[in-house]
Protein backbone atom coordinates (compact mmCIF):
# COMPACT_ATOMS: atom_id res chain seq x y z
CA MET A 1 25.59 120.70 146.55
CA GLU A 2 27.53 121.93 143.53
CA THR A 3 31.04 123.20 144.21
CA LYS A 4 31.66 126.84 143.38
CA GLY A 5 34.80 126.92 141.26
CA ASN A 6 37.72 124.50 141.51
CA LEU A 7 41.27 124.44 142.77
CA MET A 8 42.41 126.71 139.95
CA SER A 9 39.49 129.15 140.04
CA PHE A 10 39.75 132.87 140.64
CA ARG A 11 36.83 133.97 142.80
CA PRO A 12 36.35 137.76 142.70
CA ASP A 13 33.66 137.55 145.41
CA ILE A 14 36.12 136.26 148.04
CA LYS A 15 37.21 138.63 150.82
CA VAL A 16 39.98 137.73 153.27
CA VAL A 17 39.53 139.07 156.80
CA ASP A 18 42.57 139.18 159.09
CA ALA A 19 41.48 138.65 162.72
CA THR A 20 44.97 138.41 164.26
CA LEU A 21 44.58 141.29 166.70
CA ARG A 22 41.07 140.34 167.79
CA ASP A 23 41.18 136.54 168.08
CA GLY A 24 44.91 136.56 168.72
CA GLY A 25 44.35 139.15 171.41
CA LEU A 26 42.60 136.49 173.47
CA VAL A 27 46.04 134.88 173.86
CA ASN A 28 47.78 137.89 175.42
CA ASN A 29 44.91 140.05 176.75
CA PHE A 30 45.33 142.30 173.72
CA TYR A 31 48.78 143.56 174.71
CA PHE A 32 50.33 144.13 171.29
CA GLU A 33 53.10 146.69 170.83
CA ASP A 34 52.31 149.54 168.42
CA GLU A 35 55.18 148.45 166.19
CA PHE A 36 53.62 144.98 165.86
CA VAL A 37 50.23 146.48 164.95
CA LYS A 38 51.68 148.95 162.46
CA GLU A 39 53.71 146.24 160.76
CA LEU A 40 50.69 143.92 160.66
CA TYR A 41 48.63 146.69 159.08
CA GLN A 42 51.27 147.28 156.41
CA ALA A 43 51.78 143.55 155.82
CA ASN A 44 48.05 143.04 155.30
CA ILE A 45 47.91 145.90 152.80
CA LYS A 46 50.87 144.52 150.86
CA ALA A 47 49.44 140.99 150.99
CA GLY A 48 46.15 142.18 149.52
CA VAL A 49 44.02 141.38 152.58
CA ASP A 50 40.54 142.89 152.26
CA TYR A 51 39.67 143.62 155.92
CA MET A 52 41.75 143.92 159.08
CA GLU A 53 39.94 143.44 162.38
CA PHE A 54 41.59 145.48 165.13
CA GLY A 55 39.87 144.04 168.20
CA TYR A 56 36.77 144.50 170.33
CA LYS A 57 34.66 147.51 171.21
CA ALA A 58 34.34 146.26 174.80
CA SER A 59 32.63 148.26 177.52
CA LYS A 60 35.05 149.95 179.92
CA GLU A 61 32.30 149.68 182.53
CA LEU A 62 32.41 145.90 182.30
CA PHE A 63 36.12 145.39 181.56
CA ASP A 64 38.85 147.18 183.48
CA PRO A 65 41.19 148.91 180.99
CA ALA A 66 44.05 148.34 183.44
CA GLN A 67 43.69 144.58 182.89
CA TYR A 68 43.78 144.61 179.09
CA GLY A 69 45.65 146.08 176.16
CA LYS A 70 43.99 148.82 174.15
CA TRP A 71 42.75 146.50 171.40
CA LYS A 72 40.15 145.15 173.82
CA PHE A 73 38.48 148.56 173.43
CA CYS A 74 39.58 149.91 170.03
CA ASP A 75 39.22 153.59 170.81
CA GLU A 76 39.01 155.65 167.66
CA GLN A 77 42.28 157.46 168.36
CA SER A 78 44.11 154.19 169.01
CA ILE A 79 43.16 152.94 165.56
CA ARG A 80 44.00 156.27 163.91
CA ASP A 81 47.42 156.24 165.56
CA ILE A 82 48.10 153.15 163.45
CA VAL A 83 46.26 153.82 160.19
CA GLY A 84 45.83 157.59 160.04
CA ASN A 85 42.92 158.06 157.66
CA ASN A 86 43.58 154.61 156.18
CA GLU A 87 44.65 155.71 152.72
CA SER A 88 44.45 152.15 151.41
CA ASP A 89 41.99 149.78 149.77
CA MET A 90 41.90 147.57 152.87
CA LYS A 91 38.93 148.13 155.17
CA ILE A 92 39.02 148.33 158.97
CA ALA A 93 36.79 146.19 161.21
CA VAL A 94 36.06 145.86 164.92
CA MET A 95 33.94 143.35 166.83
CA ALA A 96 31.09 144.28 169.18
CA ASP A 97 29.84 141.57 171.56
CA VAL A 98 26.17 141.62 172.44
CA GLY A 99 25.86 142.58 176.11
CA ARG A 100 29.50 143.65 176.36
CA THR A 101 29.49 146.79 174.22
CA GLU A 102 28.23 150.29 174.93
CA MET A 103 26.68 151.55 171.72
CA SER A 104 27.58 155.08 172.78
CA ASP A 105 31.23 154.05 172.24
CA ILE A 106 30.56 153.56 168.52
CA PRO A 107 30.57 156.96 166.77
CA ASP A 108 28.85 157.72 163.50
CA ARG A 109 30.71 156.28 160.52
CA SER A 110 31.41 159.83 159.31
CA GLU A 111 33.53 160.34 162.44
CA SER A 112 35.35 156.99 162.31
CA VAL A 113 38.01 155.25 160.26
CA VAL A 114 36.25 151.92 160.90
CA ASP A 115 34.27 150.46 158.00
CA LEU A 116 32.75 147.25 159.39
CA ILE A 117 31.19 146.46 162.78
CA ARG A 118 31.12 142.71 163.43
CA VAL A 119 28.37 141.86 165.90
CA ALA A 120 28.98 138.67 167.90
CA THR A 121 25.99 136.93 169.46
CA TYR A 122 24.80 133.71 170.99
CA ILE A 123 21.55 132.26 169.74
CA HIS A 124 19.51 133.46 172.73
CA GLN A 125 20.69 137.05 172.12
CA ILE A 126 19.43 137.38 168.55
CA PRO A 127 16.88 140.16 169.28
CA ALA A 128 19.61 142.24 170.97
CA ALA A 129 21.98 141.50 168.09
CA ILE A 130 19.40 142.74 165.59
CA GLU A 131 19.03 145.96 167.56
CA MET A 132 22.82 146.48 167.44
CA ILE A 133 22.96 145.67 163.74
CA GLU A 134 20.28 148.19 162.91
CA GLU A 135 21.85 150.91 165.05
CA CYS A 136 25.28 150.37 163.44
CA HIS A 137 23.68 150.34 159.99
CA ALA A 138 21.89 153.61 160.79
CA LYS A 139 25.25 155.09 161.82
CA GLY A 140 26.56 154.25 158.34
CA TYR A 141 28.66 151.12 158.90
CA GLU A 142 28.87 147.86 157.04
CA THR A 143 27.71 145.16 159.44
CA SER A 144 28.23 141.45 159.93
CA VAL A 145 26.90 139.02 162.51
CA ASN A 146 28.60 135.98 164.04
CA ILE A 147 26.26 133.39 165.59
CA MET A 148 28.70 131.80 168.02
CA ALA A 149 28.85 128.15 169.11
CA VAL A 150 26.60 127.15 166.22
CA ALA A 151 27.41 123.46 166.73
CA THR A 152 25.41 123.58 169.98
CA VAL A 153 22.34 125.24 168.45
CA ARG A 154 19.16 123.31 167.69
CA THR A 155 18.31 123.18 164.00
CA GLU A 156 14.94 124.86 164.38
CA ASP A 157 16.46 127.69 166.44
CA LEU A 158 19.21 128.26 163.88
CA ASP A 159 16.72 128.28 161.00
CA GLN A 160 14.59 130.86 162.79
CA ALA A 161 17.60 133.01 163.72
CA LEU A 162 18.95 133.00 160.16
CA ASP A 163 15.59 134.02 158.77
CA MET A 164 15.29 136.83 161.32
CA LEU A 165 18.78 138.07 160.47
CA GLY A 166 18.06 137.82 156.77
CA GLN A 167 15.29 140.38 157.20
CA THR A 168 17.63 142.93 158.81
CA ASN A 169 20.10 145.34 157.20
CA VAL A 170 23.08 143.12 158.06
CA ASP A 171 25.50 142.72 155.15
CA ILE A 172 27.31 139.48 156.10
CA ILE A 173 26.18 136.46 158.13
CA TYR A 174 28.97 134.30 159.53
CA LEU A 175 29.10 130.55 160.06
CA VAL A 176 31.23 130.21 163.23
CA ASP A 177 32.77 126.98 164.53
CA SER A 178 33.55 128.37 168.00
CA TYR A 179 34.63 125.07 169.55
CA GLY A 180 36.45 123.65 166.53
CA SER A 181 34.07 120.71 166.68
CA LEU A 182 32.72 120.64 163.13
CA TYR A 183 33.93 118.37 160.32
CA PRO A 184 34.07 119.33 156.63
CA GLU A 185 30.86 117.45 155.83
CA GLN A 186 29.03 119.44 158.52
CA ILE A 187 30.59 122.68 157.33
CA ARG A 188 29.35 121.98 153.82
CA ALA A 189 25.81 121.27 155.02
CA LEU A 190 25.75 124.38 157.19
CA SER A 191 27.23 126.46 154.36
CA LYS A 192 24.36 125.32 152.15
CA LYS A 193 21.87 126.42 154.81
CA TYR A 194 23.50 129.83 155.30
CA LEU A 195 23.95 130.40 151.57
CA ALA A 196 20.26 129.67 150.94
CA VAL A 197 19.40 132.44 153.40
CA GLY A 198 22.00 134.69 151.80
CA GLU A 199 20.54 134.12 148.35
CA LYS A 200 17.00 134.71 149.59
CA TYR A 201 17.79 137.98 151.32
CA GLY A 202 20.82 139.26 149.41
CA LYS A 203 23.42 138.66 152.15
CA ALA A 204 27.04 137.59 151.87
CA ILE A 205 28.12 134.60 153.95
CA GLY A 206 31.36 134.26 155.91
CA VAL A 207 33.18 131.52 157.83
CA HIS A 208 35.23 131.64 161.03
CA ALA A 209 36.91 128.35 161.95
CA HIS A 210 38.87 127.14 164.98
CA ASN A 211 41.60 124.54 164.88
CA ASN A 212 40.80 122.24 167.83
CA GLN A 213 40.76 119.19 165.55
CA GLN A 214 43.29 120.57 163.06
CA LEU A 215 40.46 121.32 160.64
CA ALA A 216 40.32 125.14 160.56
CA PHE A 217 42.05 125.40 157.18
CA ALA A 218 40.20 122.40 155.72
CA ASN A 219 36.85 123.70 156.96
CA THR A 220 37.54 127.15 155.54
CA ILE A 221 38.36 125.60 152.16
CA GLU A 222 35.21 123.47 152.32
CA ALA A 223 33.05 126.51 153.03
CA THR A 224 34.78 128.38 150.21
CA ALA A 225 34.11 125.56 147.75
CA ALA A 226 30.45 125.65 148.76
CA GLY A 227 30.26 129.37 147.90
CA VAL A 228 31.05 131.19 151.16
CA SER A 229 32.96 134.36 150.34
CA TYR A 230 34.14 136.11 153.54
CA LEU A 231 37.02 134.11 155.01
CA ASP A 232 38.47 134.78 158.47
CA ALA A 233 42.08 133.89 159.21
CA THR A 234 44.94 134.94 161.47
CA MET A 235 48.68 135.15 161.05
CA MET A 236 50.24 131.79 162.00
CA GLY A 237 46.74 130.75 163.16
CA MET A 238 47.04 132.89 166.33
CA GLY A 239 43.83 132.76 168.34
CA ARG A 240 42.15 131.53 171.48
CA GLY A 241 43.28 128.06 172.45
CA ALA A 242 43.89 125.99 169.34
CA GLY A 243 43.76 129.08 167.17
CA ASN A 244 42.27 129.71 163.76
CA CYS A 245 42.76 129.16 160.06
CA ALA A 246 46.28 130.34 159.26
CA LEU A 247 46.20 133.37 157.00
CA GLU A 248 49.41 132.43 155.24
CA ALA A 249 47.95 129.00 154.39
CA LEU A 250 44.75 130.59 153.11
CA LEU A 251 46.63 133.04 150.88
CA SER A 252 48.69 130.17 149.48
CA PHE A 253 45.46 128.42 148.49
CA LEU A 254 43.51 131.29 146.92
CA LYS A 255 44.13 132.03 143.27
CA ASN A 256 43.31 135.74 143.21
CA PRO A 257 46.49 137.44 141.94
CA LYS A 258 45.89 140.36 144.32
CA TYR A 259 46.91 138.14 147.26
CA ARG A 260 50.68 138.13 147.78
CA LEU A 261 51.81 135.40 150.11
CA ILE A 262 55.37 136.61 150.55
CA TYR A 263 54.32 139.63 152.65
CA ALA A 264 52.38 137.42 155.05
CA LEU A 265 55.36 135.08 155.30
CA LYS A 266 57.67 138.00 156.07
CA PHE A 267 55.39 139.17 158.88
CA VAL A 268 55.18 135.66 160.31
CA GLN A 269 58.96 135.36 160.13
CA ASP A 270 59.69 138.75 161.68
CA TYR A 271 56.88 139.13 164.23
CA MET A 272 54.86 135.94 164.84
CA VAL A 273 57.76 133.57 165.42
CA PRO A 274 59.23 135.90 168.09
CA LEU A 275 55.88 135.88 169.92
CA LYS A 276 56.12 132.08 170.10
CA ASP A 277 59.78 132.23 171.06
CA ASN A 278 58.93 134.63 173.89
CA GLY A 279 56.44 132.22 175.42
CA LEU A 280 53.01 132.96 174.00
CA VAL A 281 51.13 129.70 173.53
CA TRP A 282 48.44 128.90 170.98
CA GLY A 283 47.76 126.19 168.44
CA TYR A 284 46.70 122.56 168.28
CA ASP A 285 47.23 120.36 171.33
CA ILE A 286 45.64 117.13 172.56
CA PRO A 287 43.26 118.74 175.12
CA TYR A 288 41.86 120.96 172.36
CA MET A 289 41.24 117.91 170.21
CA ILE A 290 39.33 116.33 173.09
CA THR A 291 37.12 119.36 173.76
CA GLY A 292 36.66 119.75 170.03
CA PHE A 293 35.26 116.34 169.32
CA LEU A 294 33.14 116.53 172.49
CA ASN A 295 31.77 119.87 171.24
CA ARG A 296 32.73 121.71 174.41
CA HIS A 297 34.10 125.16 175.13
CA PRO A 298 37.93 124.90 175.26
CA ARG A 299 38.28 126.63 178.66
CA THR A 300 39.21 123.38 180.42
CA ALA A 301 41.75 122.59 177.71
CA ILE A 302 43.25 126.08 178.00
CA ALA A 303 43.62 125.57 181.75
CA ALA A 304 45.22 122.15 181.31
CA ILE A 305 47.78 123.51 178.86
CA GLN A 306 48.57 126.48 181.08
CA GLU A 307 49.20 124.03 183.91
CA ASN A 308 51.34 121.85 181.61
CA ASN A 309 49.03 118.94 182.40
CA ARG A 310 49.91 116.16 179.99
CA ASN A 311 47.82 113.45 181.60
CA TYR A 312 45.71 113.19 178.47
CA VAL A 313 43.92 110.02 179.52
CA GLU A 314 42.69 111.55 182.78
CA PHE A 315 41.72 114.76 180.99
CA TYR A 316 39.73 112.73 178.46
CA LYS A 317 37.96 110.72 181.16
CA GLU A 318 37.05 113.83 183.14
CA ALA A 319 35.86 115.65 180.01
CA TRP A 320 33.80 112.62 178.98
CA ASP A 321 32.25 112.37 182.45
CA ARG A 322 31.28 116.06 182.33
CA GLU A 323 29.77 115.51 178.91
CA ASN A 324 27.71 112.50 180.01
């Protein structure tokens, strides 16, 4: 597959999506101070980031608000308290999980400061995801769809799902490496598959990578070289378990002069490092590498790290036995 551009190319089609609050919120149950969120919002604007994802639109019937910070739910007023009417060029996004979101909690776009609803779905939920996409589109939103855990999906099922989604009003279809198990060669092949659907149906393609095998940045670059244009990243790679592609690394790589790395670095320096210093844990570790190459959900690795279990050999043997 021909590479789109080169290391010195300016790609006007590329959009950077900051997912720090949403994926990073899985580290601390979405308990971010308002000052942190306001400063992140301003840093993203100054850095030229195209979209900022604030969190989930989770159902308060299914998730107890007393157990989570407000970015698990992204009430309209909570977002407006940070952005006002968002008098900036950066767009606002939230994620809606299939089966975990009440569509009645999503107002019409005319009543919201949110621009993009990101629908997250597993392969067996595609019909429900399509219903959500169409309802959000009818309400006036941009929409994207994340097919999660794609490395576990059978080829024929993925092909069918992509074709079904291509026929909807969704704007962006995301390639998601949920378990951080994919290698650059696989990312390139999958990017080709997604981009073919995007070209056929007029959809943009995005990538969301996890860092279990220290490949989130490399895989994001590989997808970008193939032609993928919506790129997810988080400040200092903050995200569930091993975390994500680091936004500051991504901005340092992209050649669009609108992206200004220094503002991301200042936020990392002033706000992300203190989170680490105060005990929040995310980022690459050996158990994540093991679950990554075994193509497994990282929940057992998360538990091992929380328990400070450094018996890597025993963890590997137990994970291998569960796999086989």
